[in-house]
Amino acid sequence: MFKYFGSLPPFLTFGGALLAFLIPYLFYVASNKLHEWGDPPWKKDRKTNS
């Protein structure tokens, strides 16, 4: 079991890969929420009708 731990990348590699996914995803979610709350009515109608 312990022989596999030597071949694992360091913790910072896993942390960096996780952050490379999480940061853009969180910006995407936050941007969608801001558009949901702040878009004018004419823009919301266009989204739902198309």
PDB file of N, CA and C in Angstrom:
ATOM      1  N   MET A   1       0.825  -1.197   0.000  1.00  0.00           N
ATOM      2  CA  MET A   1       0.000   0.000   0.000  1.00  0.00           C
ATOM      3  C   MET A   1       0.870   1.262   0.000  1.00  0.00           C
ATOM      4  N   PHE A   2       1.930   1.276   0.795  1.00  0.00           N
ATOM      5  CA  PHE A   2       2.744   2.485   0.914  1.00  0.00           C
ATOM      6  C   PHE A   2       3.628   2.721  -0.309  1.00  0.00           C
ATOM      7  N   LYS A   3       3.822   1.707  -1.143  1.00  0.00           N
ATOM      8  CA  LYS A   3       4.654   1.917  -2.326  1.00  0.00           C
ATOM      9  C   LYS A   3       3.974   2.861  -3.318  1.00  0.00           C
ATOM     10  N   TYR A   4       2.651   2.997  -3.262  1.00  0.00           N
ATOM     11  CA  TYR A   4       1.933   3.889  -4.171  1.00  0.00           C
ATOM     12  C   TYR A   4       2.049   5.351  -3.762  1.00  0.00           C
ATOM     13  N   PHE A   5       2.284   5.616  -2.486  1.00  0.00           N
ATOM     14  CA  PHE A   5       2.385   7.000  -2.028  1.00  0.00           C
ATOM     15  C   PHE A   5       3.619   7.697  -2.592  1.00  0.00           C
ATOM     16  N   GLY A   6       4.649   6.961  -2.916  1.00  0.00           N
ATOM     17  CA  GLY A   6       5.843   7.553  -3.494  1.00  0.00           C
ATOM     18  C   GLY A   6       5.612   8.063  -4.909  1.00  0.00           C
ATOM     19  N   SER A   7       4.635   7.507  -5.598  1.00  0.00           N
ATOM     20  CA  SER A   7       4.391   7.916  -6.980  1.00  0.00           C
ATOM     21  C   SER A   7       3.330   9.002  -7.095  1.00  0.00           C
ATOM     22  N   LEU A   8       2.715   9.381  -5.994  1.00  0.00           N
ATOM     23  CA  LEU A   8       1.704  10.438  -6.030  1.00  0.00           C
ATOM     24  C   LEU A   8       2.371  11.805  -6.165  1.00  0.00           C
ATOM     25  N   PRO A   9       1.780  12.709  -6.932  1.00  0.00           N
ATOM     26  CA  PRO A   9       2.323  14.072  -6.995  1.00  0.00           C
ATOM     27  C   PRO A   9       2.186  14.766  -5.638  1.00  0.00           C
ATOM     28  N   PRO A  10       2.956  15.794  -5.422  1.00  0.00           N
ATOM     29  CA  PRO A  10       2.875  16.516  -4.146  1.00  0.00           C
ATOM     30  C   PRO A  10       1.500  17.153  -3.927  1.00  0.00           C
ATOM     31  N   PHE A  11       1.254  17.499  -2.691  1.00  0.00           N
ATOM     32  CA  PHE A  11      -0.038  18.088  -2.310  1.00  0.00           C
ATOM     33  C   PHE A  11      -0.330  19.360  -3.095  1.00  0.00           C
ATOM     34  N   LEU A  12       0.692  20.176  -3.339  1.00  0.00           N
ATOM     35  CA  LEU A  12       0.475  21.429  -4.065  1.00  0.00           C
ATOM     36  C   LEU A  12      -0.010  21.186  -5.488  1.00  0.00           C
ATOM     37  N   THR A  13       0.378  20.084  -6.082  1.00  0.00           N
ATOM     38  CA  THR A  13      -0.098  19.757  -7.426  1.00  0.00           C
ATOM     39  C   THR A  13      -1.592  19.477  -7.394  1.00  0.00           C
ATOM     40  N   PHE A  14      -2.028  18.698  -6.417  1.00  0.00           N
ATOM     41  CA  PHE A  14      -3.459  18.431  -6.279  1.00  0.00           C
ATOM     42  C   PHE A  14      -4.221  19.705  -5.936  1.00  0.00           C
ATOM     43  N   GLY A  15      -3.656  20.500  -5.047  1.00  0.00           N
ATOM     44  CA  GLY A  15      -4.301  21.758  -4.671  1.00  0.00           C
ATOM     45  C   GLY A  15      -4.419  22.706  -5.847  1.00  0.00           C
ATOM     46  N   GLY A  16      -3.372  22.797  -6.643  1.00  0.00           N
ATOM     47  CA  GLY A  16      -3.403  23.661  -7.822  1.00  0.00           C
ATOM     48  C   GLY A  16      -4.410  23.186  -8.849  1.00  0.00           C
ATOM     49  N   ALA A  17      -4.484  21.883  -9.056  1.00  0.00           N
ATOM     50  CA  ALA A  17      -5.456  21.337 -10.007  1.00  0.00           C
ATOM     51  C   ALA A  17      -6.880  21.586  -9.519  1.00  0.00           C
ATOM     52  N   LEU A  18      -7.091  21.435  -8.236  1.00  0.00           N
ATOM     53  CA  LEU A  18      -8.418  21.687  -7.671  1.00  0.00           C
ATOM     54  C   LEU A  18      -8.797  23.158  -7.799  1.00  0.00           C
ATOM     55  N   LEU A  19      -7.869  24.043  -7.488  1.00  0.00           N
ATOM     56  CA  LEU A  19      -8.144  25.475  -7.613  1.00  0.00           C
ATOM     57  C   LEU A  19      -8.327  25.893  -9.069  1.00  0.00           C
ATOM     58  N   ALA A  20      -7.625  25.247  -9.991  1.00  0.00           N
ATOM     59  CA  ALA A  20      -7.774  25.561 -11.414  1.00  0.00           C
ATOM     60  C   ALA A  20      -9.177  25.227 -11.904  1.00  0.00           C
ATOM     61  N   PHE A  21      -9.833  24.302 -11.256  1.00  0.00           N
ATOM     62  CA  PHE A  21     -11.220  23.991 -11.593  1.00  0.00           C
ATOM     63  C   PHE A  21     -12.194  24.854 -10.794  1.00  0.00           C
ATOM     64  N   LEU A  22     -11.957  24.990  -9.499  1.00  0.00           N
ATOM     65  CA  LEU A  22     -12.921  25.659  -8.622  1.00  0.00           C
ATOM     66  C   LEU A  22     -13.050  27.155  -8.880  1.00  0.00           C
ATOM     67  N   ILE A  23     -11.955  27.846  -9.092  1.00  0.00           N
ATOM     68  CA  ILE A  23     -12.012  29.303  -9.242  1.00  0.00           C
ATOM     69  C   ILE A  23     -12.829  29.712 -10.467  1.00  0.00           C
ATOM     70  N   PRO A  24     -12.568  29.169 -11.665  1.00  0.00           N
ATOM     71  CA  PRO A  24     -13.424  29.545 -12.802  1.00  0.00           C
ATOM     72  C   PRO A  24     -14.877  29.115 -12.617  1.00  0.00           C
ATOM     73  N   TYR A  25     -15.091  27.951 -12.004  1.00  0.00           N
ATOM     74  CA  TYR A  25     -16.456  27.484 -11.780  1.00  0.00           C
ATOM     75  C   TYR A  25     -17.204  28.421 -10.837  1.00  0.00           C
ATOM     76  N   LEU A  26     -16.555  28.882  -9.783  1.00  0.00           N
ATOM     77  CA  LEU A  26     -17.206  29.802  -8.848  1.00  0.00           C
ATOM     78  C   LEU A  26     -17.504  31.145  -9.511  1.00  0.00           C
ATOM     79  N   PHE A  27     -16.613  31.625 -10.374  1.00  0.00           N
ATOM     80  CA  PHE A  27     -16.894  32.850 -11.132  1.00  0.00           C
ATOM     81  C   PHE A  27     -18.083  32.654 -12.063  1.00  0.00           C
ATOM     82  N   TYR A  28     -18.185  31.492 -12.687  1.00  0.00           N
ATOM     83  CA  TYR A  28     -19.303  31.176 -13.576  1.00  0.00           C
ATOM     84  C   TYR A  28     -20.628  31.192 -12.808  1.00  0.00           C
ATOM     85  N   VAL A  29     -20.654  30.546 -11.655  1.00  0.00           N
ATOM     86  CA  VAL A  29     -21.873  30.490 -10.844  1.00  0.00           C
ATOM     87  C   VAL A  29     -22.238  31.884 -10.350  1.00  0.00           C
ATOM     88  N   ALA A  30     -21.254  32.638  -9.867  1.00  0.00           N
ATOM     89  CA  ALA A  30     -21.522  33.990  -9.369  1.00  0.00           C
ATOM     90  C   ALA A  30     -22.013  34.893 -10.494  1.00  0.00           C
ATOM     91  N   SER A  31     -21.436  34.775 -11.675  1.00  0.00           N
ATOM     92  CA  SER A  31     -21.862  35.588 -12.812  1.00  0.00           C
ATOM     93  C   SER A  31     -23.299  35.269 -13.203  1.00  0.00           C
ATOM     94  N   ASN A  32     -23.653  34.002 -13.219  1.00  0.00           N
ATOM     95  CA  ASN A  32     -25.035  33.628 -13.545  1.00  0.00           C
ATOM     96  C   ASN A  32     -26.016  34.175 -12.514  1.00  0.00           C
ATOM     97  N   LYS A  33     -25.656  34.122 -11.239  1.00  0.00           N
ATOM     98  CA  LYS A  33     -26.541  34.660 -10.194  1.00  0.00           C
ATOM     99  C   LYS A  33     -26.695  36.172 -10.345  1.00  0.00           C
ATOM    100  N   LEU A  34     -25.593  36.865 -10.619  1.00  0.00           N
ATOM    101  CA  LEU A  34     -25.676  38.315 -10.793  1.00  0.00           C
ATOM    102  C   LEU A  34     -26.537  38.675 -11.998  1.00  0.00           C
ATOM    103  N   HIS A  35     -26.420  37.927 -13.078  1.00  0.00           N
ATOM    104  CA  HIS A  35     -27.265  38.181 -14.248  1.00  0.00           C
ATOM    105  C   HIS A  35     -28.723  37.862 -13.945  1.00  0.00           C
ATOM    106  N   GLU A  36     -28.949  36.834 -13.167  1.00  0.00           N
ATOM    107  CA  GLU A  36     -30.318  36.462 -12.789  1.00  0.00           C
ATOM    108  C   GLU A  36     -30.980  37.578 -11.978  1.00  0.00           C
ATOM    109  N   TRP A  37     -30.211  38.186 -11.091  1.00  0.00           N
ATOM    110  CA  TRP A  37     -30.768  39.236 -10.230  1.00  0.00           C
ATOM    111  C   TRP A  37     -30.791  40.605 -10.901  1.00  0.00           C
ATOM    112  N   GLY A  38     -29.807  40.885 -11.777  1.00  0.00           N
ATOM    113  CA  GLY A  38     -29.633  42.254 -12.225  1.00  0.00           C
ATOM    114  C   GLY A  38     -29.979  42.561 -13.666  1.00  0.00           C
ATOM    115  N   ASP A  39     -30.286  41.568 -14.470  1.00  0.00           N
ATOM    116  CA  ASP A  39     -30.620  41.846 -15.864  1.00  0.00           C
ATOM    117  C   ASP A  39     -31.955  42.570 -15.959  1.00  0.00           C
ATOM    118  N   PRO A  40     -32.082  43.508 -16.895  1.00  0.00           N
ATOM    119  CA  PRO A  40     -33.353  44.198 -17.087  1.00  0.00           C
ATOM    120  C   PRO A  40     -34.406  43.240 -17.654  1.00  0.00           C
ATOM    121  N   PRO A  41     -35.683  43.583 -17.488  1.00  0.00           N
ATOM    122  CA  PRO A  41     -36.758  42.677 -17.933  1.00  0.00           C
ATOM    123  C   PRO A  41     -36.694  42.337 -19.418  1.00  0.00           C
ATOM    124  N   TRP A  42     -36.328  43.297 -20.267  1.00  0.00           N
ATOM    125  CA  TRP A  42     -36.296  42.999 -21.701  1.00  0.00           C
ATOM    126  C   TRP A  42     -35.229  41.970 -22.045  1.00  0.00           C
ATOM    127  N   LYS A  43     -34.176  41.923 -21.258  1.00  0.00           N
ATOM    128  CA  LYS A  43     -33.129  40.938 -21.513  1.00  0.00           C
ATOM    129  C   LYS A  43     -33.542  39.563 -20.991  1.00  0.00           C
ATOM    130  N   LYS A  44     -34.276  39.533 -19.890  1.00  0.00           N
ATOM    131  CA  LYS A  44     -34.759  38.263 -19.357  1.00  0.00           C
ATOM    132  C   LYS A  44     -35.765  37.630 -20.304  1.00  0.00           C
ATOM    133  N   ASP A  45     -36.631  38.442 -20.932  1.00  0.00           N
ATOM    134  CA  ASP A  45     -37.618  37.905 -21.863  1.00  0.00           C
ATOM    135  C   ASP A  45     -36.941  37.284 -23.074  1.00  0.00           C
ATOM    136  N   ARG A  46     -35.883  37.900 -23.539  1.00  0.00           N
ATOM    137  CA  ARG A  46     -35.180  37.373 -24.712  1.00  0.00           C
ATOM    138  C   ARG A  46     -34.553  36.016 -24.390  1.00  0.00           C
ATOM    139  N   LYS A  47     -34.043  35.853 -23.178  1.00  0.00           N
ATOM    140  CA  LYS A  47     -33.429  34.584 -22.795  1.00  0.00           C
ATOM    141  C   LYS A  47     -34.464  33.469 -22.748  1.00  0.00           C
ATOM    142  N   THR A  48     -35.641  33.746 -22.212  1.00  0.00           N
ATOM    143  CA  THR A  48     -36.642  32.696 -22.061  1.00  0.00           C
ATOM    144  C   THR A  48     -37.345  32.383 -23.370  1.00  0.00           C
ATOM    145  N   ASN A  49     -37.436  33.347 -24.286  1.00  0.00           N
ATOM    146  CA  ASN A  49     -38.134  33.115 -25.545  1.00  0.00           C
ATOM    147  C   ASN A  49     -37.257  32.470 -26.606  1.00  0.00           C
ATOM    148  N   SER A  50     -35.959  32.526 -26.452  1.00  0.00           N
ATOM    149  CA  SER A  50     -35.095  31.971 -27.500  1.00  0.00           C
ATOM    150  C   SER A  50     -34.665  30.559 -27.205  1.00  0.00           C
TER     151      SER A  50
END
